[in-house]
Amino acid sequence: MRTQVAIIGAGPAGLVLGQSLANAGIESVIVENRSRDYVEARQRAGVLEQGTVELLRENGVGERLDREGLRHDGIYLQWPGTRQHFDFQTGLLHG
């Protein structure tokens, strides 16, 4: 096998890099010591930043994320006697 780029690891970074290179017409091979079934079944990130989500979608690999992921729109902040919600979309604190 002859290729231009070897990527070590089929984690999120390796897979996105491989897809990005393929989209640009650059051949690559991803080397991973686990089976394909294992890689496809595992979840590697609990929370993804918006920029990461956009990068996945731009590279055509966001379908599973959109189908199975849970959207995280904000966080709750709590102190003794008060609880407030910070909305990521509006940047406003409610409570």
PDB file of N, CA and C in Angstrom:
ATOM      1  N   MET A   1       0.841  -1.175   0.000  1.00  0.00           N
ATOM      2  CA  MET A   1       0.000   0.000   0.000  1.00  0.00           C
ATOM      3  C   MET A   1       0.892   1.247   0.000  1.00  0.00           C
ATOM      4  N   ARG A   2       0.565   2.170  -0.866  1.00  0.00           N
ATOM      5  CA  ARG A   2       1.304   3.431  -0.926  1.00  0.00           C
ATOM      6  C   ARG A   2       0.303   4.559  -0.697  1.00  0.00           C
ATOM      7  N   THR A   3       0.634   5.450   0.236  1.00  0.00           N
ATOM      8  CA  THR A   3      -0.259   6.557   0.563  1.00  0.00           C
ATOM      9  C   THR A   3       0.563   7.785   0.904  1.00  0.00           C
ATOM     10  N   GLN A   4      -0.067   8.934   0.873  1.00  0.00           N
ATOM     11  CA  GLN A   4       0.633  10.180   1.157  1.00  0.00           C
ATOM     12  C   GLN A   4       0.761  10.450   2.650  1.00  0.00           C
ATOM     13  N   VAL A   5      -0.234  10.035   3.434  1.00  0.00           N
ATOM     14  CA  VAL A   5      -0.270  10.371   4.857  1.00  0.00           C
ATOM     15  C   VAL A   5      -0.694   9.151   5.663  1.00  0.00           C
ATOM     16  N   ALA A   6      -0.009   8.912   6.776  1.00  0.00           N
ATOM     17  CA  ALA A   6      -0.423   7.891   7.739  1.00  0.00           C
ATOM     18  C   ALA A   6      -0.892   8.604   9.001  1.00  0.00           C
ATOM     19  N   ILE A   7      -2.071   8.244   9.474  1.00  0.00           N
ATOM     20  CA  ILE A   7      -2.644   8.825  10.680  1.00  0.00           C
ATOM     21  C   ILE A   7      -2.669   7.731  11.736  1.00  0.00           C
ATOM     22  N   ILE A   8      -2.084   8.012  12.888  1.00  0.00           N
ATOM     23  CA  ILE A   8      -2.032   7.035  13.965  1.00  0.00           C
ATOM     24  C   ILE A   8      -3.196   7.293  14.918  1.00  0.00           C
ATOM     25  N   GLY A   9      -4.129   6.346  14.973  1.00  0.00           N
ATOM     26  CA  GLY A   9      -5.252   6.433  15.893  1.00  0.00           C
ATOM     27  C   GLY A   9      -6.550   6.831  15.228  1.00  0.00           C
ATOM     28  N   ALA A  10      -7.589   6.035  15.485  1.00  0.00           N
ATOM     29  CA  ALA A  10      -8.912   6.294  14.928  1.00  0.00           C
ATOM     30  C   ALA A  10      -9.822   6.934  15.966  1.00  0.00           C
ATOM     31  N   GLY A  11      -9.240   7.834  16.755  1.00  0.00           N
ATOM     32  CA  GLY A  11     -10.048   8.631  17.669  1.00  0.00           C
ATOM     33  C   GLY A  11     -10.691   9.770  16.901  1.00  0.00           C
ATOM     34  N   PRO A  12     -11.391  10.655  17.593  1.00  0.00           N
ATOM     35  CA  PRO A  12     -12.072  11.757  16.908  1.00  0.00           C
ATOM     36  C   PRO A  12     -11.142  12.594  16.028  1.00  0.00           C
ATOM     37  N   ALA A  13      -9.967  12.936  16.528  1.00  0.00           N
ATOM     38  CA  ALA A  13      -9.047  13.772  15.746  1.00  0.00           C
ATOM     39  C   ALA A  13      -8.549  13.038  14.507  1.00  0.00           C
ATOM     40  N   GLY A  14      -8.172  11.768  14.657  1.00  0.00           N
ATOM     41  CA  GLY A  14      -7.679  11.003  13.519  1.00  0.00           C
ATOM     42  C   GLY A  14      -8.730  10.795  12.449  1.00  0.00           C
ATOM     43  N   LEU A  15      -9.950  10.507  12.879  1.00  0.00           N
ATOM     44  CA  LEU A  15     -11.026  10.282  11.910  1.00  0.00           C
ATOM     45  C   LEU A  15     -11.408  11.559  11.168  1.00  0.00           C
ATOM     46  N   VAL A  16     -11.485  12.677  11.890  1.00  0.00           N
ATOM     47  CA  VAL A  16     -11.812  13.950  11.228  1.00  0.00           C
ATOM     48  C   VAL A  16     -10.683  14.355  10.288  1.00  0.00           C
ATOM     49  N   LEU A  17      -9.428  14.163  10.708  1.00  0.00           N
ATOM     50  CA  LEU A  17      -8.302  14.481   9.834  1.00  0.00           C
ATOM     51  C   LEU A  17      -8.352  13.631   8.569  1.00  0.00           C
ATOM     52  N   GLY A  18      -8.613  12.339   8.710  1.00  0.00           N
ATOM     53  CA  GLY A  18      -8.707  11.465   7.544  1.00  0.00           C
ATOM     54  C   GLY A  18      -9.796  11.905   6.585  1.00  0.00           C
ATOM     55  N   GLN A  19     -10.954  12.279   7.122  1.00  0.00           N
ATOM     56  CA  GLN A  19     -12.053  12.738   6.274  1.00  0.00           C
ATOM     57  C   GLN A  19     -11.715  14.070   5.612  1.00  0.00           C
ATOM     58  N   SER A  20     -11.094  14.976   6.359  1.00  0.00           N
ATOM     59  CA  SER A  20     -10.703  16.277   5.796  1.00  0.00           C
ATOM     60  C   SER A  20      -9.714  16.107   4.650  1.00  0.00           C
ATOM     61  N   LEU A  21      -8.744  15.224   4.836  1.00  0.00           N
ATOM     62  CA  LEU A  21      -7.768  14.961   3.775  1.00  0.00           C
ATOM     63  C   LEU A  21      -8.446  14.348   2.555  1.00  0.00           C
ATOM     64  N   ALA A  22      -9.352  13.398   2.781  1.00  0.00           N
ATOM     65  CA  ALA A  22     -10.075  12.775   1.659  1.00  0.00           C
ATOM     66  C   ALA A  22     -10.882  13.813   0.895  1.00  0.00           C
ATOM     67  N   ASN A  23     -11.531  14.723   1.619  1.00  0.00           N
ATOM     68  CA  ASN A  23     -12.301  15.786   0.967  1.00  0.00           C
ATOM     69  C   ASN A  23     -11.415  16.681   0.105  1.00  0.00           C
ATOM     70  N   ALA A  24     -10.134  16.785   0.488  1.00  0.00           N
ATOM     71  CA  ALA A  24      -9.181  17.603  -0.263  1.00  0.00           C
ATOM     72  C   ALA A  24      -8.450  16.799  -1.335  1.00  0.00           C
ATOM     73  N   GLY A  25      -8.806  15.520  -1.498  1.00  0.00           N
ATOM     74  CA  GLY A  25      -8.177  14.688  -2.513  1.00  0.00           C
ATOM     75  C   GLY A  25      -6.827  14.118  -2.111  1.00  0.00           C
ATOM     76  N   ILE A  26      -6.543  14.086  -0.822  1.00  0.00           N
ATOM     77  CA  ILE A  26      -5.265  13.570  -0.322  1.00  0.00           C
ATOM     78  C   ILE A  26      -5.498  12.185   0.272  1.00  0.00           C
ATOM     79  N   GLU A  27      -4.758  11.207  -0.236  1.00  0.00           N
ATOM     80  CA  GLU A  27      -4.895   9.838   0.256  1.00  0.00           C
ATOM     81  C   GLU A  27      -4.278   9.706   1.636  1.00  0.00           C
ATOM     82  N   SER A  28      -4.927   8.919   2.487  1.00  0.00           N
ATOM     83  CA  SER A  28      -4.376   8.659   3.814  1.00  0.00           C
ATOM     84  C   SER A  28      -4.792   7.268   4.263  1.00  0.00           C
ATOM     85  N   VAL A  29      -4.098   6.776   5.265  1.00  0.00           N
ATOM     86  CA  VAL A  29      -4.458   5.520   5.904  1.00  0.00           C
ATOM     87  C   VAL A  29      -4.478   5.792   7.406  1.00  0.00           C
ATOM     88  N   ILE A  30      -5.495   5.250   8.081  1.00  0.00           N
ATOM     89  CA  ILE A  30      -5.600   5.394   9.531  1.00  0.00           C
ATOM     90  C   ILE A  30      -5.197   4.071  10.159  1.00  0.00           C
ATOM     91  N   VAL A  31      -4.205   4.113  11.040  1.00  0.00           N
ATOM     92  CA  VAL A  31      -3.694   2.923  11.711  1.00  0.00           C
ATOM     93  C   VAL A  31      -4.261   2.908  13.130  1.00  0.00           C
ATOM     94  N   GLU A  32      -4.965   1.835  13.472  1.00  0.00           N
ATOM     95  CA  GLU A  32      -5.618   1.713  14.786  1.00  0.00           C
ATOM     96  C   GLU A  32      -5.452   0.287  15.266  1.00  0.00           C
ATOM     97  N   ASN A  33      -5.144   0.112  16.556  1.00  0.00           N
ATOM     98  CA  ASN A  33      -4.929  -1.246  17.063  1.00  0.00           C
ATOM     99  C   ASN A  33      -6.219  -1.948  17.485  1.00  0.00           C
ATOM    100  N   ARG A  34      -7.343  -1.244  17.503  1.00  0.00           N
ATOM    101  CA  ARG A  34      -8.639  -1.852  17.827  1.00  0.00           C
ATOM    102  C   ARG A  34      -9.394  -2.169  16.538  1.00  0.00           C
ATOM    103  N   SER A  35     -10.410  -3.014  16.656  1.00  0.00           N
ATOM    104  CA  SER A  35     -11.190  -3.400  15.480  1.00  0.00           C
ATOM    105  C   SER A  35     -12.096  -2.262  15.019  1.00  0.00           C
ATOM    106  N   ARG A  36     -12.508  -2.338  13.769  1.00  0.00           N
ATOM    107  CA  ARG A  36     -13.437  -1.337  13.219  1.00  0.00           C
ATOM    108  C   ARG A  36     -14.747  -1.323  14.009  1.00  0.00           C
ATOM    109  N   ASP A  37     -15.260  -2.511  14.370  1.00  0.00           N
ATOM    110  CA  ASP A  37     -16.497  -2.589  15.154  1.00  0.00           C
ATOM    111  C   ASP A  37     -16.352  -1.848  16.484  1.00  0.00           C
ATOM    112  N   TYR A  38     -15.205  -2.029  17.138  1.00  0.00           N
ATOM    113  CA  TYR A  38     -14.965  -1.345  18.414  1.00  0.00           C
ATOM    114  C   TYR A  38     -14.960   0.168  18.220  1.00  0.00           C
ATOM    115  N   VAL A  39     -14.244   0.626  17.204  1.00  0.00           N
ATOM    116  CA  VAL A  39     -14.134   2.067  16.951  1.00  0.00           C
ATOM    117  C   VAL A  39     -15.500   2.665  16.638  1.00  0.00           C
ATOM    118  N   GLU A  40     -16.290   1.991  15.826  1.00  0.00           N
ATOM    119  CA  GLU A  40     -17.601   2.524  15.443  1.00  0.00           C
ATOM    120  C   GLU A  40     -18.600   2.512  16.596  1.00  0.00           C
ATOM    121  N   ALA A  41     -18.440   1.598  17.553  1.00  0.00           N
ATOM    122  CA  ALA A  41     -19.402   1.473  18.646  1.00  0.00           C
ATOM    123  C   ALA A  41     -19.097   2.377  19.836  1.00  0.00           C
ATOM    124  N   ARG A  42     -17.875   2.827  19.982  1.00  0.00           N
ATOM    125  CA  ARG A  42     -17.516   3.578  21.184  1.00  0.00           C
ATOM    126  C   ARG A  42     -17.864   5.053  21.064  1.00  0.00           C
ATOM    127  N   GLN A  43     -18.022   5.671  22.202  1.00  0.00           N
ATOM    128  CA  GLN A  43     -18.200   7.120  22.271  1.00  0.00           C
ATOM    129  C   GLN A  43     -16.970   7.679  22.957  1.00  0.00           C
ATOM    130  N   ARG A  44     -16.374   8.694  22.361  1.00  0.00           N
ATOM    131  CA  ARG A  44     -15.121   9.213  22.892  1.00  0.00           C
ATOM    132  C   ARG A  44     -15.235  10.585  23.540  1.00  0.00           C
ATOM    133  N   ALA A  45     -16.298  11.297  23.301  1.00  0.00           N
ATOM    134  CA  ALA A  45     -16.408  12.642  23.858  1.00  0.00           C
ATOM    135  C   ALA A  45     -17.759  12.798  24.534  1.00  0.00           C
ATOM    136  N   GLY A  46     -17.751  13.319  25.747  1.00  0.00           N
ATOM    137  CA  GLY A  46     -18.996  13.551  26.446  1.00  0.00           C
ATOM    138  C   GLY A  46     -19.652  14.849  26.031  1.00  0.00           C
ATOM    139  N   VAL A  47     -18.852  15.890  25.854  1.00  0.00           N
ATOM    140  CA  VAL A  47     -19.356  17.206  25.454  1.00  0.00           C
ATOM    141  C   VAL A  47     -18.475  17.722  24.326  1.00  0.00           C
ATOM    142  N   LEU A  48     -19.095  18.188  23.253  1.00  0.00           N
ATOM    143  CA  LEU A  48     -18.361  18.768  22.128  1.00  0.00           C
ATOM    144  C   LEU A  48     -18.652  20.258  22.046  1.00  0.00           C
ATOM    145  N   GLU A  49     -17.623  21.051  21.866  1.00  0.00           N
ATOM    146  CA  GLU A  49     -17.791  22.487  21.668  1.00  0.00           C
ATOM    147  C   GLU A  49     -18.449  22.732  20.316  1.00  0.00           C
ATOM    148  N   GLN A  50     -19.104  23.881  20.168  1.00  0.00           N
ATOM    149  CA  GLN A  50     -19.830  24.194  18.940  1.00  0.00           C
ATOM    150  C   GLN A  50     -18.914  24.170  17.717  1.00  0.00           C
ATOM    151  N   GLY A  51     -17.688  24.659  17.850  1.00  0.00           N
ATOM    152  CA  GLY A  51     -16.749  24.645  16.728  1.00  0.00           C
ATOM    153  C   GLY A  51     -16.442  23.233  16.249  1.00  0.00           C
ATOM    154  N   THR A  52     -16.347  22.297  17.186  1.00  0.00           N
ATOM    155  CA  THR A  52     -16.106  20.899  16.838  1.00  0.00           C
ATOM    156  C   THR A  52     -17.304  20.312  16.104  1.00  0.00           C
ATOM    157  N   VAL A  53     -18.500  20.622  16.581  1.00  0.00           N
ATOM    158  CA  VAL A  53     -19.725  20.147  15.927  1.00  0.00           C
ATOM    159  C   VAL A  53     -19.792  20.670  14.493  1.00  0.00           C
ATOM    160  N   GLU A  54     -19.483  21.939  14.308  1.00  0.00           N
ATOM    161  CA  GLU A  54     -19.504  22.527  12.964  1.00  0.00           C
ATOM    162  C   GLU A  54     -18.471  21.866  12.062  1.00  0.00           C
ATOM    163  N   LEU A  55     -17.275  21.591  12.594  1.00  0.00           N
ATOM    164  CA  LEU A  55     -16.227  20.923  11.816  1.00  0.00           C
ATOM    165  C   LEU A  55     -16.680  19.532  11.376  1.00  0.00           C
ATOM    166  N   LEU A  56     -17.318  18.791  12.266  1.00  0.00           N
ATOM    167  CA  LEU A  56     -17.823  17.463  11.912  1.00  0.00           C
ATOM    168  C   LEU A  56     -18.856  17.554  10.801  1.00  0.00           C
ATOM    169  N   ARG A  57     -19.760  18.498  10.917  1.00  0.00           N
ATOM    170  CA  ARG A  57     -20.794  18.657   9.883  1.00  0.00           C
ATOM    171  C   ARG A  57     -20.183  19.077   8.547  1.00  0.00           C
ATOM    172  N   GLU A  58     -19.226  20.005   8.575  1.00  0.00           N
ATOM    173  CA  GLU A  58     -18.580  20.477   7.343  1.00  0.00           C
ATOM    174  C   GLU A  58     -17.876  19.347   6.609  1.00  0.00           C
ATOM    175  N   ASN A  59     -17.379  18.367   7.360  1.00  0.00           N
ATOM    176  CA  ASN A  59     -16.655  17.248   6.760  1.00  0.00           C
ATOM    177  C   ASN A  59     -17.550  16.059   6.456  1.00  0.00           C
ATOM    178  N   GLY A  60     -18.854  16.246   6.599  1.00  0.00           N
ATOM    179  CA  GLY A  60     -19.793  15.200   6.228  1.00  0.00           C
ATOM    180  C   GLY A  60     -19.895  14.049   7.201  1.00  0.00           C
ATOM    181  N   VAL A  61     -19.467  14.253   8.433  1.00  0.00           N
ATOM    182  CA  VAL A  61     -19.530  13.171   9.418  1.00  0.00           C
ATOM    183  C   VAL A  61     -20.374  13.554  10.637  1.00  0.00           C
ATOM    184  N   GLY A  62     -21.299  14.464  10.460  1.00  0.00           N
ATOM    185  CA  GLY A  62     -22.135  14.894  11.571  1.00  0.00           C
ATOM    186  C   GLY A  62     -23.483  14.208  11.656  1.00  0.00           C
ATOM    187  N   GLU A  63     -23.787  13.299  10.723  1.00  0.00           N
ATOM    188  CA  GLU A  63     -25.112  12.674  10.705  1.00  0.00           C
ATOM    189  C   GLU A  63     -25.399  11.898  11.986  1.00  0.00           C
ATOM    190  N   ARG A  64     -24.450  11.095  12.424  1.00  0.00           N
ATOM    191  CA  ARG A  64     -24.659  10.305  13.646  1.00  0.00           C
ATOM    192  C   ARG A  64     -24.767  11.226  14.852  1.00  0.00           C
ATOM    193  N   LEU A  65     -23.954  12.250  14.874  1.00  0.00           N
ATOM    194  CA  LEU A  65     -24.013  13.228  15.961  1.00  0.00           C
ATOM    195  C   LEU A  65     -25.399  13.856  16.030  1.00  0.00           C
ATOM    196  N   ASP A  66     -25.911  14.296  14.887  1.00  0.00           N
ATOM    197  CA  ASP A  66     -27.236  14.915  14.848  1.00  0.00           C
ATOM    198  C   ASP A  66     -28.335  13.926  15.231  1.00  0.00           C
ATOM    199  N   ARG A  67     -28.152  12.672  14.872  1.00  0.00           N
ATOM    200  CA  ARG A  67     -29.164  11.649  15.130  1.00  0.00           C
ATOM    201  C   ARG A  67     -29.161  11.190  16.592  1.00  0.00           C
ATOM    202  N   GLU A  68     -27.965  11.013  17.174  1.00  0.00           N
ATOM    203  CA  GLU A  68     -27.870  10.394  18.494  1.00  0.00           C
ATOM    204  C   GLU A  68     -27.451  11.343  19.611  1.00  0.00           C
ATOM    205  N   GLY A  69     -26.904  12.491  19.245  1.00  0.00           N
ATOM    206  CA  GLY A  69     -26.395  13.410  20.259  1.00  0.00           C
ATOM    207  C   GLY A  69     -27.495  14.160  20.993  1.00  0.00           C
ATOM    208  N   LEU A  70     -27.182  14.598  22.180  1.00  0.00           N
ATOM    209  CA  LEU A  70     -28.096  15.409  22.972  1.00  0.00           C
ATOM    210  C   LEU A  70     -27.592  16.848  22.953  1.00  0.00           C
ATOM    211  N   ARG A  71     -28.440  17.749  22.514  1.00  0.00           N
ATOM    212  CA  ARG A  71     -28.054  19.156  22.431  1.00  0.00           C
ATOM    213  C   ARG A  71     -27.940  19.739  23.837  1.00  0.00           C
ATOM    214  N   HIS A  72     -26.877  20.466  24.064  1.00  0.00           N
ATOM    215  CA  HIS A  72     -26.597  21.079  25.359  1.00  0.00           C
ATOM    216  C   HIS A  72     -26.713  22.590  25.190  1.00  0.00           C
ATOM    217  N   ASP A  73     -27.836  23.157  25.627  1.00  0.00           N
ATOM    218  CA  ASP A  73     -28.116  24.571  25.380  1.00  0.00           C
ATOM    219  C   ASP A  73     -27.730  25.500  26.517  1.00  0.00           C
ATOM    220  N   GLY A  74     -27.321  24.960  27.639  1.00  0.00           N
ATOM    221  CA  GLY A  74     -26.981  25.836  28.753  1.00  0.00           C
ATOM    222  C   GLY A  74     -26.559  25.040  29.970  1.00  0.00           C
ATOM    223  N   ILE A  75     -26.306  25.773  31.047  1.00  0.00           N
ATOM    224  CA  ILE A  75     -25.924  25.145  32.309  1.00  0.00           C
ATOM    225  C   ILE A  75     -26.683  25.816  33.444  1.00  0.00           C
ATOM    226  N   TYR A  76     -26.829  25.091  34.528  1.00  0.00           N
ATOM    227  CA  TYR A  76     -27.421  25.646  35.735  1.00  0.00           C
ATOM    228  C   TYR A  76     -26.307  25.966  36.718  1.00  0.00           C
ATOM    229  N   LEU A  77     -26.384  27.141  37.304  1.00  0.00           N
ATOM    230  CA  LEU A  77     -25.451  27.577  38.338  1.00  0.00           C
ATOM    231  C   LEU A  77     -26.246  27.672  39.633  1.00  0.00           C
ATOM    232  N   GLN A  78     -25.703  27.095  40.689  1.00  0.00           N
ATOM    233  CA  GLN A  78     -26.461  27.059  41.933  1.00  0.00           C
ATOM    234  C   GLN A  78     -25.573  27.424  43.112  1.00  0.00           C
ATOM    235  N   TRP A  79     -26.099  28.308  43.956  1.00  0.00           N
ATOM    236  CA  TRP A  79     -25.477  28.687  45.215  1.00  0.00           C
ATOM    237  C   TRP A  79     -26.528  28.506  46.296  1.00  0.00           C
ATOM    238  N   PRO A  80     -26.146  28.513  47.538  1.00  0.00           N
ATOM    239  CA  PRO A  80     -27.163  28.385  48.592  1.00  0.00           C
ATOM    240  C   PRO A  80     -28.260  29.444  48.423  1.00  0.00           C
ATOM    241  N   GLY A  81     -29.476  28.986  48.267  1.00  0.00           N
ATOM    242  CA  GLY A  81     -30.616  29.882  48.161  1.00  0.00           C
ATOM    243  C   GLY A  81     -30.951  30.375  46.768  1.00  0.00           C
ATOM    244  N   THR A  82     -30.173  30.042  45.751  1.00  0.00           N
ATOM    245  CA  THR A  82     -30.473  30.507  44.394  1.00  0.00           C
ATOM    246  C   THR A  82     -30.013  29.489  43.349  1.00  0.00           C
ATOM    247  N   ARG A  83     -30.752  29.437  42.272  1.00  0.00           N
ATOM    248  CA  ARG A  83     -30.404  28.580  41.134  1.00  0.00           C
ATOM    249  C   ARG A  83     -30.709  29.364  39.869  1.00  0.00           C
ATOM    250  N   GLN A  84     -29.724  29.458  38.967  1.00  0.00           N
ATOM    251  CA  GLN A  84     -29.904  30.215  37.735  1.00  0.00           C
ATOM    252  C   GLN A  84     -29.463  29.382  36.541  1.00  0.00           C
ATOM    253  N   HIS A  85     -30.066  29.694  35.394  1.00  0.00           N
ATOM    254  CA  HIS A  85     -29.751  28.991  34.157  1.00  0.00           C
ATOM    255  C   HIS A  85     -29.044  29.955  33.213  1.00  0.00           C
ATOM    256  N   PHE A  86     -27.860  29.564  32.736  1.00  0.00           N
ATOM    257  CA  PHE A  86     -27.140  30.342  31.731  1.00  0.00           C
ATOM    258  C   PHE A  86     -27.438  29.732  30.372  1.00  0.00           C
ATOM    259  N   ASP A  87     -28.063  30.519  29.495  1.00  0.00           N
ATOM    260  CA  ASP A  87     -28.473  30.086  28.163  1.00  0.00           C
ATOM    261  C   ASP A  87     -27.336  30.343  27.175  1.00  0.00           C
ATOM    262  N   PHE A  88     -26.791  29.280  26.576  1.00  0.00           N
ATOM    263  CA  PHE A  88     -25.686  29.428  25.629  1.00  0.00           C
ATOM    264  C   PHE A  88     -26.094  30.184  24.369  1.00  0.00           C
ATOM    265  N   GLN A  89     -27.333  30.051  23.949  1.00  0.00           N
ATOM    266  CA  GLN A  89     -27.787  30.705  22.717  1.00  0.00           C
ATOM    267  C   GLN A  89     -27.879  32.218  22.875  1.00  0.00           C
ATOM    268  N   THR A  90     -28.438  32.664  23.990  1.00  0.00           N
ATOM    269  CA  THR A  90     -28.654  34.104  24.183  1.00  0.00           C
ATOM    270  C   THR A  90     -27.567  34.765  25.009  1.00  0.00           C
ATOM    271  N   GLY A  91     -26.830  33.974  25.779  1.00  0.00           N
ATOM    272  CA  GLY A  91     -25.824  34.537  26.675  1.00  0.00           C
ATOM    273  C   GLY A  91     -26.430  35.162  27.918  1.00  0.00           C
ATOM    274  N   LEU A  92     -27.705  34.865  28.175  1.00  0.00           N
ATOM    275  CA  LEU A  92     -28.401  35.466  29.314  1.00  0.00           C
ATOM    276  C   LEU A  92     -28.494  34.491  30.481  1.00  0.00           C
ATOM    277  N   LEU A  93     -28.484  35.062  31.671  1.00  0.00           N
ATOM    278  CA  LEU A  93     -28.636  34.306  32.905  1.00  0.00           C
ATOM    279  C   LEU A  93     -30.068  34.490  33.390  1.00  0.00           C
ATOM    280  N   HIS A  94     -30.787  33.386  33.597  1.00  0.00           N
ATOM    281  CA  HIS A  94     -32.191  33.440  34.027  1.00  0.00           C
ATOM    282  C   HIS A  94     -32.312  32.794  35.397  1.00  0.00           C
ATOM    283  N   GLY A  95     -33.159  33.323  36.209  1.00  0.00           N
ATOM    284  CA  GLY A  95     -33.377  32.657  37.476  1.00  0.00           C
ATOM    285  C   GLY A  95     -34.070  33.527  38.413  1.00  0.00           C
TER     286      GLY A  95
END
